[in-house]
PDB file of all heavy atoms in Angstrom:
ATOM      1  N   VAL A   1      60.537 113.220 123.089  1.00  0.00           N
ATOM      2  CA  VAL A   1      59.202 113.113 123.674  1.00  0.00           C
ATOM      3  C   VAL A   1      59.213 112.392 125.024  1.00  0.00           C
ATOM      4  O   VAL A   1      58.182 112.321 125.709  1.00  0.00           O
ATOM      5  CB  VAL A   1      58.235 112.401 122.711  1.00  0.00           C
ATOM      6  CG1 VAL A   1      58.026 113.243 121.455  1.00  0.00           C
ATOM      7  CG2 VAL A   1      58.755 111.008 122.335  1.00  0.00           C
ATOM      8  N   ALA A   2      60.366 111.840 125.411  1.00  0.00           N
ATOM      9  CA  ALA A   2      60.503 111.153 126.697  1.00  0.00           C
ATOM     10  C   ALA A   2      61.990 110.858 126.916  1.00  0.00           C
ATOM     11  O   ALA A   2      62.814 111.055 126.023  1.00  0.00           O
ATOM     12  CB  ALA A   2      59.688 109.858 126.728  1.00  0.00           C
ATOM     13  N   TYR A   3      62.306 110.377 128.125  1.00  0.00           N
ATOM     14  CA  TYR A   3      63.679 109.973 128.430  1.00  0.00           C
ATOM     15  C   TYR A   3      63.700 108.514 128.858  1.00  0.00           C
ATOM     16  O   TYR A   3      62.718 107.991 129.409  1.00  0.00           O
ATOM     17  CB  TYR A   3      64.266 110.798 129.577  1.00  0.00           C
ATOM     18  CG  TYR A   3      64.383 112.279 129.327  1.00  0.00           C
ATOM     19  CD1 TYR A   3      63.898 113.188 130.262  1.00  0.00           C
ATOM     20  CD2 TYR A   3      64.991 112.773 128.187  1.00  0.00           C
ATOM     21  CE1 TYR A   3      64.018 114.546 130.074  1.00  0.00           C
ATOM     22  CE2 TYR A   3      65.113 114.142 127.983  1.00  0.00           C
ATOM     23  CZ  TYR A   3      64.620 115.021 128.934  1.00  0.00           C
ATOM     24  OH  TYR A   3      64.731 116.364 128.731  1.00  0.00           O
ATOM     25  N   ASP A   4      64.845 107.908 128.632  1.00  0.00           N
ATOM     26  CA  ASP A   4      65.129 106.594 129.190  1.00  0.00           C
ATOM     27  C   ASP A   4      66.138 106.788 130.317  1.00  0.00           C
ATOM     28  O   ASP A   4      67.233 107.305 130.107  1.00  0.00           O
ATOM     29  CB  ASP A   4      65.715 105.671 128.119  1.00  0.00           C
ATOM     30  CG  ASP A   4      66.052 104.294 128.681  1.00  0.00           C
ATOM     31  OD1 ASP A   4      67.045 104.169 129.418  1.00  0.00           O
ATOM     32  OD2 ASP A   4      65.314 103.351 128.389  1.00  0.00           O
ATOM     33  N   LEU A   5      65.758 106.389 131.527  1.00  0.00           N
ATOM     34  CA  LEU A   5      66.643 106.467 132.679  1.00  0.00           C
ATOM     35  C   LEU A   5      66.808 105.069 133.260  1.00  0.00           C
ATOM     36  O   LEU A   5      65.890 104.535 133.879  1.00  0.00           O
ATOM     37  CB  LEU A   5      66.095 107.420 133.746  1.00  0.00           C
ATOM     38  CG  LEU A   5      66.933 107.550 135.032  1.00  0.00           C
ATOM     39  CD1 LEU A   5      68.334 108.074 134.726  1.00  0.00           C
ATOM     40  CD2 LEU A   5      66.233 108.458 136.048  1.00  0.00           C
ATOM     41  N   ASN A   6      67.955 104.493 132.992  1.00  0.00           N
ATOM     42  CA  ASN A   6      68.253 103.144 133.483  1.00  0.00           C
ATOM     43  C   ASN A   6      67.180 102.127 133.082  1.00  0.00           C
ATOM     44  O   ASN A   6      66.745 101.285 133.878  1.00  0.00           O
ATOM     45  CB  ASN A   6      68.425 103.152 135.007  1.00  0.00           C
ATOM     46  CG  ASN A   6      69.552 104.061 135.469  1.00  0.00           C
ATOM     47  OD1 ASN A   6      70.597 104.139 134.836  1.00  0.00           O
ATOM     48  ND2 ASN A   6      69.339 104.752 136.596  1.00  0.00           N
ATOM     49  N   GLY A   7      66.706 102.235 131.824  1.00  0.00           N
ATOM     50  CA  GLY A   7      65.720 101.307 131.305  1.00  0.00           C
ATOM     51  C   GLY A   7      64.279 101.672 131.583  1.00  0.00           C
ATOM     52  O   GLY A   7      63.360 100.997 131.109  1.00  0.00           O
ATOM     53  N   GLU A   8      64.043 102.755 132.316  1.00  0.00           N
ATOM     54  CA  GLU A   8      62.685 103.206 132.625  1.00  0.00           C
ATOM     55  C   GLU A   8      62.353 104.439 131.801  1.00  0.00           C
ATOM     56  O   GLU A   8      63.146 105.367 131.715  1.00  0.00           O
ATOM     57  CB  GLU A   8      62.559 103.526 134.111  1.00  0.00           C
ATOM     58  CG  GLU A   8      61.176 104.028 134.521  1.00  0.00           C
ATOM     59  CD  GLU A   8      61.102 104.490 135.967  1.00  0.00           C
ATOM     60  OE1 GLU A   8      62.125 104.366 136.680  1.00  0.00           O
ATOM     61  OE2 GLU A   8      60.038 104.996 136.375  1.00  0.00           O
ATOM     62  N   ARG A   9      61.178 104.472 131.192  1.00  0.00           N
ATOM     63  CA  ARG A   9      60.722 105.625 130.427  1.00  0.00           C
ATOM     64  C   ARG A   9      60.109 106.648 131.380  1.00  0.00           C
ATOM     65  O   ARG A   9      59.198 106.326 132.148  1.00  0.00           O
ATOM     66  CB  ARG A   9      59.691 105.210 129.376  1.00  0.00           C
ATOM     67  CG  ARG A   9      59.229 106.334 128.458  1.00  0.00           C
ATOM     68  CD  ARG A   9      58.157 105.826 127.482  1.00  0.00           C
ATOM     69  NE  ARG A   9      57.611 106.882 126.663  1.00  0.00           N
ATOM     70  CZ  ARG A   9      57.805 106.993 125.352  1.00  0.00           C
ATOM     71  NH1 ARG A   9      58.549 106.108 124.716  1.00  0.00           N
ATOM     72  NH2 ARG A   9      57.250 108.003 124.669  1.00  0.00           N
ATOM     73  N   ILE A  10      60.618 107.880 131.333  1.00  0.00           N
ATOM     74  CA  ILE A  10      60.091 108.941 132.190  1.00  0.00           C
ATOM     75  C   ILE A  10      59.740 110.151 131.336  1.00  0.00           C
ATOM     76  O   ILE A  10      60.290 110.353 130.245  1.00  0.00           O
ATOM     77  CB  ILE A  10      61.085 109.338 133.308  1.00  0.00           C
ATOM     78  CG1 ILE A  10      62.419 109.848 132.714  1.00  0.00           C
ATOM     79  CG2 ILE A  10      61.330 108.157 134.250  1.00  0.00           C
ATOM     80  CD1 ILE A  10      63.373 110.399 133.781  1.00  0.00           C
ATOM     81  N   ASP A  11      58.841 111.006 131.848  1.00  0.00           N
ATOM     82  CA  ASP A  11      58.349 112.150 131.081  1.00  0.00           C
ATOM     83  C   ASP A  11      58.745 113.499 131.682  1.00  0.00           C
ATOM     84  O   ASP A  11      58.075 114.506 131.464  1.00  0.00           O
ATOM     85  CB  ASP A  11      56.819 112.080 130.938  1.00  0.00           C
ATOM     86  CG  ASP A  11      56.096 112.135 132.281  1.00  0.00           C
ATOM     87  OD1 ASP A  11      56.768 112.150 133.347  1.00  0.00           O
ATOM     88  OD2 ASP A  11      54.845 112.143 132.272  1.00  0.00           O
ATOM     89  N   TYR A  12      59.836 113.515 132.449  1.00  0.00           N
ATOM     90  CA  TYR A  12      60.334 114.763 133.028  1.00  0.00           C
ATOM     91  C   TYR A  12      61.829 114.637 133.269  1.00  0.00           C
ATOM     92  O   TYR A  12      62.378 113.524 133.256  1.00  0.00           O
ATOM     93  CB  TYR A  12      59.612 115.076 134.341  1.00  0.00           C
ATOM     94  CG  TYR A  12      59.969 114.109 135.467  1.00  0.00           C
ATOM     95  CD1 TYR A  12      60.893 114.446 136.442  1.00  0.00           C
ATOM     96  CD2 TYR A  12      59.375 112.856 135.533  1.00  0.00           C
ATOM     97  CE1 TYR A  12      61.240 113.555 137.458  1.00  0.00           C
ATOM     98  CE2 TYR A  12      59.699 111.957 136.535  1.00  0.00           C
ATOM     99  CZ  TYR A  12      60.637 112.316 137.498  1.00  0.00           C
ATOM    100  OH  TYR A  12      60.967 111.435 138.502  1.00  0.00           O
ATOM    101  N   LEU A  13      62.494 115.791 133.466  1.00  0.00           N
ATOM    102  CA  LEU A  13      63.918 115.770 133.787  1.00  0.00           C
ATOM    103  C   LEU A  13      64.080 115.731 135.299  1.00  0.00           C
ATOM    104  O   LEU A  13      63.621 116.637 135.995  1.00  0.00           O
ATOM    105  CB  LEU A  13      64.620 117.009 133.213  1.00  0.00           C
ATOM    106  CG  LEU A  13      66.160 116.998 133.344  1.00  0.00           C
ATOM    107  CD1 LEU A  13      66.767 115.943 132.425  1.00  0.00           C
ATOM    108  CD2 LEU A  13      66.748 118.378 133.042  1.00  0.00           C
ATOM    109  N   PRO A  14      64.728 114.694 135.843  1.00  0.00           N
ATOM    110  CA  PRO A  14      64.893 114.601 137.293  1.00  0.00           C
ATOM    111  C   PRO A  14      65.689 115.770 137.860  1.00  0.00           C
ATOM    112  O   PRO A  14      66.470 116.415 137.153  1.00  0.00           O
ATOM    113  CB  PRO A  14      65.658 113.279 137.468  1.00  0.00           C
ATOM    114  CG  PRO A  14      65.501 112.541 136.183  1.00  0.00           C
ATOM    115  CD  PRO A  14      65.357 113.573 135.122  1.00  0.00           C
ATOM    116  N   ALA A  15      65.490 116.040 139.141  1.00  0.00           N
ATOM    117  CA  ALA A  15      66.205 117.131 139.794  1.00  0.00           C
ATOM    118  C   ALA A  15      67.668 116.792 140.043  1.00  0.00           C
ATOM    119  O   ALA A  15      68.517 117.687 140.146  1.00  0.00           O
ATOM    120  CB  ALA A  15      65.517 117.498 141.113  1.00  0.00           C
ATOM    121  N   SER A  16      67.979 115.508 140.153  1.00  0.00           N
ATOM    122  CA  SER A  16      69.342 115.064 140.431  1.00  0.00           C
ATOM    123  C   SER A  16      70.264 115.331 139.248  1.00  0.00           C
ATOM    124  O   SER A  16      70.002 114.877 138.126  1.00  0.00           O
ATOM    125  CB  SER A  16      69.352 113.568 140.762  1.00  0.00           C
ATOM    126  OG  SER A  16      70.660 113.026 140.663  1.00  0.00           O
ATOM    127  N   SER A  17      71.347 116.029 139.489  1.00  0.00           N
ATOM    128  CA  SER A  17      72.318 116.301 138.429  1.00  0.00           C
ATOM    129  C   SER A  17      72.897 115.004 137.880  1.00  0.00           C
ATOM    130  O   SER A  17      73.100 114.858 136.668  1.00  0.00           O
ATOM    131  CB  SER A  17      73.439 117.189 138.970  1.00  0.00           C
ATOM    132  OG  SER A  17      74.416 117.427 138.034  1.00  0.00           O
ATOM    133  N   GLU A  18      73.152 114.042 138.739  1.00  0.00           N
ATOM    134  CA  GLU A  18      73.695 112.752 138.316  1.00  0.00           C
ATOM    135  C   GLU A  18      72.751 112.067 137.334  1.00  0.00           C
ATOM    136  O   GLU A  18      73.180 111.535 136.302  1.00  0.00           O
ATOM    137  CB  GLU A  18      73.939 111.861 139.535  1.00  0.00           C
ATOM    138  CG  GLU A  18      74.546 110.504 139.189  1.00  0.00           C
ATOM    139  CD  GLU A  18      74.754 109.619 140.410  1.00  0.00           C
ATOM    140  OE1 GLU A  18      74.072 109.847 141.432  1.00  0.00           O
ATOM    141  OE2 GLU A  18      75.598 108.695 140.351  1.00  0.00           O
ATOM    142  N   GLN A  19      71.442 112.079 137.647  1.00  0.00           N
ATOM    143  CA  GLN A  19      70.457 111.459 136.767  1.00  0.00           C
ATOM    144  C   GLN A  19      70.275 112.260 135.476  1.00  0.00           C
ATOM    145  O   GLN A  19      70.038 111.683 134.410  1.00  0.00           O
ATOM    146  CB  GLN A  19      69.125 111.319 137.497  1.00  0.00           C
ATOM    147  CG  GLN A  19      69.150 110.286 138.625  1.00  0.00           C
ATOM    148  CD  GLN A  19      67.807 110.147 139.299  1.00  0.00           C
ATOM    149  OE1 GLN A  19      66.994 111.073 139.340  1.00  0.00           O
ATOM    150  NE2 GLN A  19      67.538 108.964 139.842  1.00  0.00           N
ATOM    151  N   GLN A  20      70.394 113.576 135.553  1.00  0.00           N
ATOM    152  CA  GLN A  20      70.264 114.414 134.362  1.00  0.00           C
ATOM    153  C   GLN A  20      71.314 114.069 133.313  1.00  0.00           C
ATOM    154  O   GLN A  20      71.049 114.098 132.118  1.00  0.00           O
ATOM    155  CB  GLN A  20      70.367 115.886 134.750  1.00  0.00           C
ATOM    156  CG  GLN A  20      69.161 116.409 135.516  1.00  0.00           C
ATOM    157  CD  GLN A  20      69.352 117.827 136.019  1.00  0.00           C
ATOM    158  OE1 GLN A  20      70.385 118.462 135.782  1.00  0.00           O
ATOM    159  NE2 GLN A  20      68.349 118.342 136.711  1.00  0.00           N
ATOM    160  N   PHE A  21      72.509 113.730 133.770  1.00  0.00           N
ATOM    161  CA  PHE A  21      73.570 113.337 132.847  1.00  0.00           C
ATOM    162  C   PHE A  21      73.338 111.943 132.270  1.00  0.00           C
ATOM    163  O   PHE A  21      73.864 111.602 131.211  1.00  0.00           O
ATOM    164  CB  PHE A  21      74.935 113.383 133.542  1.00  0.00           C
ATOM    165  CG  PHE A  21      75.546 114.758 133.615  1.00  0.00           C
ATOM    166  CD1 PHE A  21      75.626 115.435 134.826  1.00  0.00           C
ATOM    167  CD2 PHE A  21      76.048 115.371 132.478  1.00  0.00           C
ATOM    168  CE1 PHE A  21      76.196 116.703 134.902  1.00  0.00           C
ATOM    169  CE2 PHE A  21      76.622 116.636 132.539  1.00  0.00           C
ATOM    170  CZ  PHE A  21      76.687 117.304 133.752  1.00  0.00           C
ATOM    171  N   LYS A  22      72.537 111.123 132.958  1.00  0.00           N
ATOM    172  CA  LYS A  22      72.326 109.739 132.539  1.00  0.00           C
ATOM    173  C   LYS A  22      71.155 109.557 131.579  1.00  0.00           C
ATOM    174  O   LYS A  22      71.113 108.572 130.831  1.00  0.00           O
ATOM    175  CB  LYS A  22      72.098 108.845 133.767  1.00  0.00           C
ATOM    176  CG  LYS A  22      73.347 108.581 134.594  1.00  0.00           C
ATOM    177  CD  LYS A  22      73.027 107.651 135.754  1.00  0.00           C
ATOM    178  CE  LYS A  22      74.281 107.347 136.581  1.00  0.00           C
ATOM    179  NZ  LYS A  22      73.950 106.449 137.726  1.00  0.00           N
ATOM    180  N   VAL A  23      70.184 110.468 131.583  1.00  0.00           N
ATOM    181  CA  VAL A  23      68.982 110.248 130.772  1.00  0.00           C
ATOM    182  C   VAL A  23      69.340 110.236 129.284  1.00  0.00           C
ATOM    183  O   VAL A  23      70.217 110.964 128.826  1.00  0.00           O
ATOM    184  CB  VAL A  23      67.898 111.321 131.039  1.00  0.00           C
ATOM    185  CG1 VAL A  23      67.421 111.264 132.472  1.00  0.00           C
ATOM    186  CG2 VAL A  23      68.375 112.723 130.675  1.00  0.00           C
ATOM    187  N   LYS A  24      68.633 109.379 128.553  1.00  0.00           N
ATOM    188  CA  LYS A  24      68.817 109.289 127.109  1.00  0.00           C
ATOM    189  C   LYS A  24      67.516 109.678 126.419  1.00  0.00           C
ATOM    190  O   LYS A  24      66.440 109.240 126.824  1.00  0.00           O
ATOM    191  CB  LYS A  24      69.237 107.873 126.710  1.00  0.00           C
ATOM    192  CG  LYS A  24      70.586 107.455 127.293  1.00  0.00           C
ATOM    193  CD  LYS A  24      70.911 106.019 126.917  1.00  0.00           C
ATOM    194  CE  LYS A  24      72.258 105.598 127.527  1.00  0.00           C
ATOM    195  NZ  LYS A  24      72.571 104.173 127.197  1.00  0.00           N
ATOM    196  N   PRO A  25      67.579 110.507 125.387  1.00  0.00           N
ATOM    197  CA  PRO A  25      66.359 110.975 124.751  1.00  0.00           C
ATOM    198  C   PRO A  25      65.653 109.891 123.940  1.00  0.00           C
ATOM    199  O   PRO A  25      66.296 109.058 123.303  1.00  0.00           O
ATOM    200  CB  PRO A  25      66.856 112.093 123.822  1.00  0.00           C
ATOM    201  CG  PRO A  25      68.283 111.723 123.527  1.00  0.00           C
ATOM    202  CD  PRO A  25      68.808 111.074 124.778  1.00  0.00           C
ATOM    203  N   ILE A  26      64.350 109.907 123.975  1.00  0.00           N
ATOM    204  CA  ILE A  26      63.509 109.077 123.112  1.00  0.00           C
ATOM    205  C   ILE A  26      62.851 110.020 122.112  1.00  0.00           C
ATOM    206  O   ILE A  26      62.165 110.972 122.494  1.00  0.00           O
ATOM    207  CB  ILE A  26      62.458 108.316 123.933  1.00  0.00           C
ATOM    208  CG1 ILE A  26      63.144 107.370 124.935  1.00  0.00           C
ATOM    209  CG2 ILE A  26      61.510 107.535 123.017  1.00  0.00           C
ATOM    210  CD1 ILE A  26      62.199 106.715 125.920  1.00  0.00           C
ATOM    211  N   TYR A  27      63.068 109.765 120.836  1.00  0.00           N
ATOM    212  CA  TYR A  27      62.675 110.722 119.798  1.00  0.00           C
ATOM    213  C   TYR A  27      61.452 110.301 119.002  1.00  0.00           C
ATOM    214  O   TYR A  27      61.173 109.110 118.820  1.00  0.00           O
ATOM    215  CB  TYR A  27      63.829 110.922 118.800  1.00  0.00           C
ATOM    216  CG  TYR A  27      65.027 111.665 119.345  1.00  0.00           C
ATOM    217  CD1 TYR A  27      66.275 111.037 119.433  1.00  0.00           C
ATOM    218  CD2 TYR A  27      64.925 112.992 119.738  1.00  0.00           C
ATOM    219  CE1 TYR A  27      67.382 111.710 119.914  1.00  0.00           C
ATOM    220  CE2 TYR A  27      66.039 113.680 120.211  1.00  0.00           C
ATOM    221  CZ  TYR A  27      67.255 113.037 120.304  1.00  0.00           C
ATOM    222  OH  TYR A  27      68.361 113.714 120.763  1.00  0.00           O
ATOM    223  N   LYS A  28      60.744 111.287 118.509  1.00  0.00           N
ATOM    224  CA  LYS A  28      59.776 111.135 117.425  1.00  0.00           C
ATOM    225  C   LYS A  28      60.394 111.832 116.217  1.00  0.00           C
ATOM    226  O   LYS A  28      60.850 112.972 116.309  1.00  0.00           O
ATOM    227  CB  LYS A  28      58.431 111.759 117.768  1.00  0.00           C
ATOM    228  CG  LYS A  28      57.388 111.625 116.660  1.00  0.00           C
ATOM    229  CD  LYS A  28      56.051 112.209 117.079  1.00  0.00           C
ATOM    230  CE  LYS A  28      55.042 112.175 115.921  1.00  0.00           C
ATOM    231  NZ  LYS A  28      54.748 110.782 115.492  1.00  0.00           N
ATOM    232  N   THR A  29      60.414 111.150 115.076  1.00  0.00           N
ATOM    233  CA  THR A  29      61.082 111.665 113.886  1.00  0.00           C
ATOM    234  C   THR A  29      60.080 112.221 112.880  1.00  0.00           C
ATOM    235  O   THR A  29      59.035 111.613 112.623  1.00  0.00           O
ATOM    236  CB  THR A  29      61.932 110.566 113.221  1.00  0.00           C
ATOM    237  OG1 THR A  29      62.900 110.082 114.177  1.00  0.00           O
ATOM    238  CG2 THR A  29      62.683 111.110 112.018  1.00  0.00           C
ATOM    239  N   PHE A  30      60.424 113.380 112.313  1.00  0.00           N
ATOM    240  CA  PHE A  30      59.607 114.040 111.311  1.00  0.00           C
ATOM    241  C   PHE A  30      60.409 114.184 110.018  1.00  0.00           C
ATOM    242  O   PHE A  30      61.626 114.403 110.056  1.00  0.00           O
ATOM    243  CB  PHE A  30      59.181 115.444 111.781  1.00  0.00           C
ATOM    244  CG  PHE A  30      58.326 115.458 113.007  1.00  0.00           C
ATOM    245  CD1 PHE A  30      58.896 115.277 114.267  1.00  0.00           C
ATOM    246  CD2 PHE A  30      56.958 115.643 112.919  1.00  0.00           C
ATOM    247  CE1 PHE A  30      58.110 115.290 115.405  1.00  0.00           C
ATOM    248  CE2 PHE A  30      56.163 115.649 114.049  1.00  0.00           C
ATOM    249  CZ  PHE A  30      56.745 115.475 115.289  1.00  0.00           C
ATOM    250  N   ALA A  31      59.731 114.095 108.902  1.00  0.00           N
ATOM    251  CA  ALA A  31      60.381 114.363 107.617  1.00  0.00           C
ATOM    252  C   ALA A  31      60.628 115.864 107.488  1.00  0.00           C
ATOM    253  O   ALA A  31      59.767 116.675 107.847  1.00  0.00           O
ATOM    254  CB  ALA A  31      59.504 113.874 106.469  1.00  0.00           C
ATOM    255  N   GLY A  32      61.818 116.233 107.028  1.00  0.00           N
ATOM    256  CA  GLY A  32      62.113 117.643 106.817  1.00  0.00           C
ATOM    257  C   GLY A  32      61.309 118.210 105.661  1.00  0.00           C
ATOM    258  O   GLY A  32      60.882 117.489 104.766  1.00  0.00           O
ATOM    259  N   TRP A  33      61.102 119.538 105.666  1.00  0.00           N
ATOM    260  CA  TRP A  33      60.292 120.170 104.617  1.00  0.00           C
ATOM    261  C   TRP A  33      61.129 120.585 103.420  1.00  0.00           C
ATOM    262  O   TRP A  33      60.593 120.837 102.351  1.00  0.00           O
ATOM    263  CB  TRP A  33      59.496 121.348 105.156  1.00  0.00           C
ATOM    264  CG  TRP A  33      60.244 122.259 106.094  1.00  0.00           C
ATOM    265  CD1 TRP A  33      60.974 123.346 105.783  1.00  0.00           C
ATOM    266  CD2 TRP A  33      60.275 122.153 107.513  1.00  0.00           C
ATOM    267  NE1 TRP A  33      61.486 123.931 106.917  1.00  0.00           N
ATOM    268  CE2 TRP A  33      61.063 123.213 108.006  1.00  0.00           C
ATOM    269  CE3 TRP A  33      59.725 121.278 108.449  1.00  0.00           C
ATOM    270  CZ2 TRP A  33      61.311 123.427 109.350  1.00  0.00           C
ATOM    271  CZ3 TRP A  33      59.972 121.483 109.786  1.00  0.00           C
ATOM    272  CH2 TRP A  33      60.763 122.552 110.232  1.00  0.00           C
ATOM    273  N   LYS A  34      62.465 120.647 103.584  1.00  0.00           N
ATOM    274  CA  LYS A  34      63.399 120.840 102.479  1.00  0.00           C
ATOM    275  C   LYS A  34      63.037 122.021 101.578  1.00  0.00           C
ATOM    276  O   LYS A  34      63.206 121.979 100.357  1.00  0.00           O
ATOM    277  CB  LYS A  34      63.507 119.563 101.648  1.00  0.00           C
ATOM    278  CG  LYS A  34      63.969 118.332 102.422  1.00  0.00           C
ATOM    279  CD  LYS A  34      65.429 118.447 102.823  1.00  0.00           C
ATOM    280  CE  LYS A  34      66.340 118.320 101.619  1.00  0.00           C
ATOM    281  NZ  LYS A  34      67.783 118.352 101.982  1.00  0.00           N
ATOM    282  N   SER A  35      62.514 123.066 102.137  1.00  0.00           N
ATOM    283  CA  SER A  35      62.231 124.298 101.400  1.00  0.00           C
ATOM    284  C   SER A  35      62.327 125.467 102.365  1.00  0.00           C
ATOM    285  O   SER A  35      62.224 125.293 103.583  1.00  0.00           O
ATOM    286  CB  SER A  35      60.851 124.254 100.732  1.00  0.00           C
ATOM    287  OG  SER A  35      59.821 124.057 101.697  1.00  0.00           O
ATOM    288  N   SER A  36      62.500 126.663 101.832  1.00  0.00           N
ATOM    289  CA  SER A  36      62.764 127.833 102.667  1.00  0.00           C
ATOM    290  C   SER A  36      61.510 128.340 103.379  1.00  0.00           C
ATOM    291  O   SER A  36      60.447 128.475 102.784  1.00  0.00           O
ATOM    292  CB  SER A  36      63.347 128.958 101.817  1.00  0.00           C
ATOM    293  OG  SER A  36      63.557 130.120 102.610  1.00  0.00           O
TER     294      SER A  36
END
């Protein structure tokens, strides 16, 4: 739902390839439905 880039929370993927490799994902977790 967001990225962490050098300690800053951002809501888009930067254009810089160097920064794209550095971003870390911030997740929202959901329970699985465990059925077909």
